N, C-alpha and C. Protein backbone atom coordinates (compact mmCIF):
# COMPACT_ATOMS: atom_id res chain seq x y z
N MET A 1 147.07 236.61 42.92
CA MET A 1 147.13 235.55 41.95
C MET A 1 147.30 234.24 42.72
N GLU A 2 146.62 233.19 42.27
CA GLU A 2 146.70 231.89 42.93
C GLU A 2 146.67 230.80 41.87
N PHE A 3 147.46 229.74 42.10
CA PHE A 3 147.44 228.57 41.23
C PHE A 3 147.07 227.37 42.08
N ASP A 4 145.95 226.73 41.74
CA ASP A 4 145.48 225.56 42.46
C ASP A 4 145.68 224.34 41.58
N PHE A 5 146.29 223.28 42.14
CA PHE A 5 146.57 222.08 41.36
C PHE A 5 145.92 220.88 42.01
N LYS A 6 145.11 220.17 41.25
CA LYS A 6 144.46 218.94 41.71
C LYS A 6 145.16 217.76 41.03
N TYR A 7 145.94 217.02 41.84
CA TYR A 7 146.74 215.90 41.34
C TYR A 7 145.86 214.72 40.98
N ASP A 8 146.12 214.09 39.82
CA ASP A 8 145.38 212.90 39.39
C ASP A 8 145.70 211.70 40.28
N GLY A 9 146.89 211.71 40.89
CA GLY A 9 147.30 210.61 41.76
C GLY A 9 147.85 209.44 40.96
N GLY A 10 148.17 208.37 41.68
CA GLY A 10 148.64 207.17 41.00
C GLY A 10 150.14 207.04 40.86
N GLY A 11 150.92 207.81 41.57
CA GLY A 11 152.37 207.67 41.52
C GLY A 11 153.08 208.95 41.15
N PHE A 12 154.41 208.82 40.97
CA PHE A 12 155.25 209.98 40.64
C PHE A 12 154.99 210.48 39.23
N ALA A 13 155.08 211.79 39.06
CA ALA A 13 155.05 212.47 37.77
C ALA A 13 153.75 212.28 36.99
N LYS A 14 152.67 211.98 37.67
CA LYS A 14 151.38 211.87 36.99
C LYS A 14 150.80 213.26 36.79
N GLY A 15 149.73 213.35 36.07
CA GLY A 15 149.16 214.64 35.72
C GLY A 15 148.20 215.19 36.76
N GLY A 16 147.53 216.25 36.35
CA GLY A 16 146.54 216.89 37.19
C GLY A 16 145.94 218.08 36.48
N THR A 17 145.06 218.78 37.17
CA THR A 17 144.41 219.94 36.59
C THR A 17 144.79 221.17 37.38
N GLY A 18 145.25 222.19 36.66
CA GLY A 18 145.66 223.45 37.29
C GLY A 18 144.69 224.56 36.96
N THR A 19 144.37 225.36 37.96
CA THR A 19 143.49 226.51 37.77
C THR A 19 144.19 227.76 38.26
N LEU A 20 144.28 228.76 37.38
CA LEU A 20 144.87 230.04 37.71
C LEU A 20 143.74 231.01 38.04
N SER A 21 143.83 231.63 39.22
CA SER A 21 142.83 232.60 39.66
C SER A 21 143.47 233.95 39.93
N VAL A 22 142.76 235.01 39.60
CA VAL A 22 143.20 236.37 39.88
C VAL A 22 142.09 237.06 40.65
N ASP A 23 142.44 237.61 41.79
CA ASP A 23 141.46 238.26 42.68
C ASP A 23 140.30 237.33 43.01
N GLY A 24 140.61 236.05 43.22
CA GLY A 24 139.60 235.07 43.61
C GLY A 24 138.73 234.55 42.48
N LYS A 25 138.98 234.97 41.24
CA LYS A 25 138.17 234.54 40.10
C LYS A 25 139.03 233.70 39.15
N ALA A 26 138.56 232.47 38.84
CA ALA A 26 139.30 231.59 37.94
C ALA A 26 139.37 232.22 36.55
N VAL A 27 140.60 232.31 36.00
CA VAL A 27 140.77 232.88 34.67
C VAL A 27 141.12 231.82 33.63
N ASP A 28 141.63 230.67 34.07
CA ASP A 28 141.93 229.58 33.14
C ASP A 28 142.17 228.28 33.89
N THR A 29 141.80 227.18 33.28
CA THR A 29 142.00 225.84 33.82
C THR A 29 142.55 224.96 32.72
N LYS A 30 143.61 224.23 33.01
CA LYS A 30 144.24 223.34 32.02
C LYS A 30 144.62 222.03 32.68
N HIS A 31 144.59 220.95 31.90
CA HIS A 31 145.08 219.67 32.38
C HIS A 31 146.56 219.56 32.02
N ILE A 32 147.37 219.16 32.99
CA ILE A 32 148.81 218.97 32.80
C ILE A 32 149.07 217.47 32.83
N GLU A 33 149.58 216.93 31.72
CA GLU A 33 149.71 215.48 31.61
C GLU A 33 150.75 214.88 32.54
N HIS A 34 151.85 215.58 32.78
CA HIS A 34 152.94 215.06 33.61
C HIS A 34 153.41 216.15 34.57
N THR A 35 153.83 215.75 35.75
CA THR A 35 154.41 216.68 36.71
C THR A 35 155.86 216.30 36.97
N THR A 36 156.56 217.11 37.71
CA THR A 36 157.95 216.84 38.05
C THR A 36 158.00 215.70 39.07
N PRO A 37 158.83 214.68 38.83
CA PRO A 37 158.84 213.51 39.72
C PRO A 37 159.56 213.72 41.05
N VAL A 38 160.14 214.89 41.26
CA VAL A 38 160.84 215.19 42.51
C VAL A 38 160.41 216.56 43.01
N ASN A 39 160.76 216.89 44.24
CA ASN A 39 160.43 218.20 44.80
C ASN A 39 161.41 219.26 44.33
N PHE A 40 160.93 220.50 44.29
CA PHE A 40 161.81 221.63 44.03
C PHE A 40 162.46 222.06 45.34
N GLN A 41 163.50 222.84 45.25
CA GLN A 41 164.18 223.35 46.43
C GLN A 41 163.19 224.07 47.33
N TRP A 42 163.22 223.83 48.63
CA TRP A 42 162.24 224.37 49.56
C TRP A 42 162.23 225.89 49.63
N ASP A 43 163.38 226.53 49.35
CA ASP A 43 163.43 227.98 49.48
C ASP A 43 163.31 228.72 48.14
N GLU A 44 162.96 228.00 47.09
CA GLU A 44 162.79 228.63 45.78
C GLU A 44 161.42 229.27 45.70
N SER A 45 161.32 230.34 44.96
CA SER A 45 160.06 231.06 44.85
C SER A 45 159.57 231.08 43.40
N PHE A 46 158.34 231.50 43.21
CA PHE A 46 157.77 231.64 41.87
C PHE A 46 157.69 233.13 41.57
N ASP A 47 158.55 233.60 40.67
CA ASP A 47 158.60 235.01 40.34
C ASP A 47 158.27 235.21 38.87
N VAL A 48 157.65 236.31 38.54
CA VAL A 48 157.29 236.58 37.16
C VAL A 48 158.27 237.53 36.50
N ASP A 49 158.59 238.66 37.11
CA ASP A 49 159.44 239.64 36.43
C ASP A 49 160.86 239.72 36.95
N VAL A 50 161.18 239.00 38.03
CA VAL A 50 162.52 239.03 38.58
C VAL A 50 162.72 237.76 39.42
N ASP A 51 163.93 237.22 39.43
CA ASP A 51 164.22 236.04 40.25
C ASP A 51 164.86 236.51 41.54
N THR A 52 164.13 236.39 42.65
CA THR A 52 164.63 236.89 43.93
C THR A 52 165.34 235.82 44.75
N ARG A 53 165.43 234.64 44.24
CA ARG A 53 166.03 233.53 45.00
C ARG A 53 167.28 232.99 44.30
N THR A 54 167.30 231.69 44.05
CA THR A 54 168.47 231.00 43.53
C THR A 54 168.83 231.48 42.13
N PRO A 55 170.08 231.91 41.92
CA PRO A 55 170.49 232.33 40.58
C PRO A 55 170.63 231.13 39.65
N VAL A 56 170.46 231.38 38.36
CA VAL A 56 170.62 230.34 37.36
C VAL A 56 172.08 229.92 37.27
N THR A 57 172.98 230.87 37.47
CA THR A 57 174.40 230.60 37.40
C THR A 57 175.06 230.76 38.77
N ARG A 58 176.12 230.03 39.02
CA ARG A 58 176.86 230.18 40.26
C ARG A 58 177.84 231.36 40.17
N ASN A 59 178.03 231.90 38.98
CA ASN A 59 178.94 233.01 38.76
C ASN A 59 178.28 234.29 39.28
N ARG A 60 178.65 234.72 40.47
CA ARG A 60 178.04 235.89 41.11
C ARG A 60 178.25 237.17 40.31
N VAL A 61 179.32 237.23 39.52
CA VAL A 61 179.58 238.42 38.72
C VAL A 61 178.48 238.59 37.67
N LEU A 62 178.03 237.48 37.09
CA LEU A 62 177.01 237.54 36.05
C LEU A 62 175.60 237.67 36.61
N HIS A 63 175.41 237.32 37.89
CA HIS A 63 174.06 237.34 38.46
C HIS A 63 173.82 238.65 39.19
N ASP A 64 173.08 239.52 38.54
CA ASP A 64 172.76 240.83 39.11
C ASP A 64 171.30 240.78 39.55
N THR A 65 171.05 240.78 40.85
CA THR A 65 169.68 240.65 41.36
C THR A 65 168.84 241.89 41.11
N SER A 66 169.46 242.97 40.63
CA SER A 66 168.68 244.17 40.33
C SER A 66 168.10 244.13 38.92
N PHE A 67 168.46 243.11 38.14
CA PHE A 67 167.94 242.98 36.78
C PHE A 67 166.43 242.78 36.80
N ARG A 68 165.72 243.54 36.02
CA ARG A 68 164.27 243.44 35.91
C ARG A 68 163.89 243.08 34.47
N PHE A 69 162.88 242.24 34.33
CA PHE A 69 162.32 241.91 33.02
C PHE A 69 161.60 243.14 32.49
N THR A 70 161.91 243.55 31.27
CA THR A 70 161.29 244.74 30.70
C THR A 70 160.47 244.42 29.46
N GLY A 71 160.31 243.13 29.17
CA GLY A 71 159.54 242.74 28.00
C GLY A 71 158.05 242.73 28.29
N LYS A 72 157.29 242.11 27.40
CA LYS A 72 155.84 242.02 27.53
C LYS A 72 155.44 240.57 27.75
N ILE A 73 154.61 240.31 28.74
CA ILE A 73 154.08 238.98 28.99
C ILE A 73 152.67 238.94 28.41
N GLU A 74 152.48 238.11 27.41
CA GLU A 74 151.19 238.03 26.74
C GLU A 74 150.31 236.98 27.41
N ASP A 75 149.01 237.20 27.38
CA ASP A 75 148.09 236.26 28.00
C ASP A 75 147.56 235.21 27.03
N GLY A 76 148.01 235.25 25.79
CA GLY A 76 147.59 234.25 24.81
C GLY A 76 146.47 234.73 23.92
N SER A 77 145.74 235.76 24.32
CA SER A 77 144.62 236.24 23.53
C SER A 77 145.08 236.92 22.23
N GLU A 78 146.35 237.31 22.18
CA GLU A 78 146.87 237.95 20.98
C GLU A 78 147.17 236.95 19.86
N ARG A 79 147.25 235.66 20.22
CA ARG A 79 147.58 234.64 19.22
C ARG A 79 146.43 234.47 18.24
N THR A 80 146.78 234.19 17.01
CA THR A 80 145.75 233.95 15.99
C THR A 80 145.70 232.47 15.68
N ALA A 81 144.52 231.98 15.30
CA ALA A 81 144.35 230.56 14.95
C ALA A 81 145.12 230.26 13.69
N GLN A 82 145.77 229.10 13.68
CA GLN A 82 146.54 228.70 12.51
C GLN A 82 145.84 227.59 11.79
């Protein structure tokens, strides 16, 4: 899986176009109007079913790194037009 982002430029927090590819094939492209005006932590990762890096809470008792997401991630095709 790969996410490619083409920044519109022109200063902080401006938009751009993002393309999500799976196995080298683009599956969706969207324009994002605004981006984050600052950098994220350098050692943070992008995880889908488990967070392997920085915990949301500083309370180590509540943060169990063995927790796995067991729900369903939908791709949007299940949504019906309203």
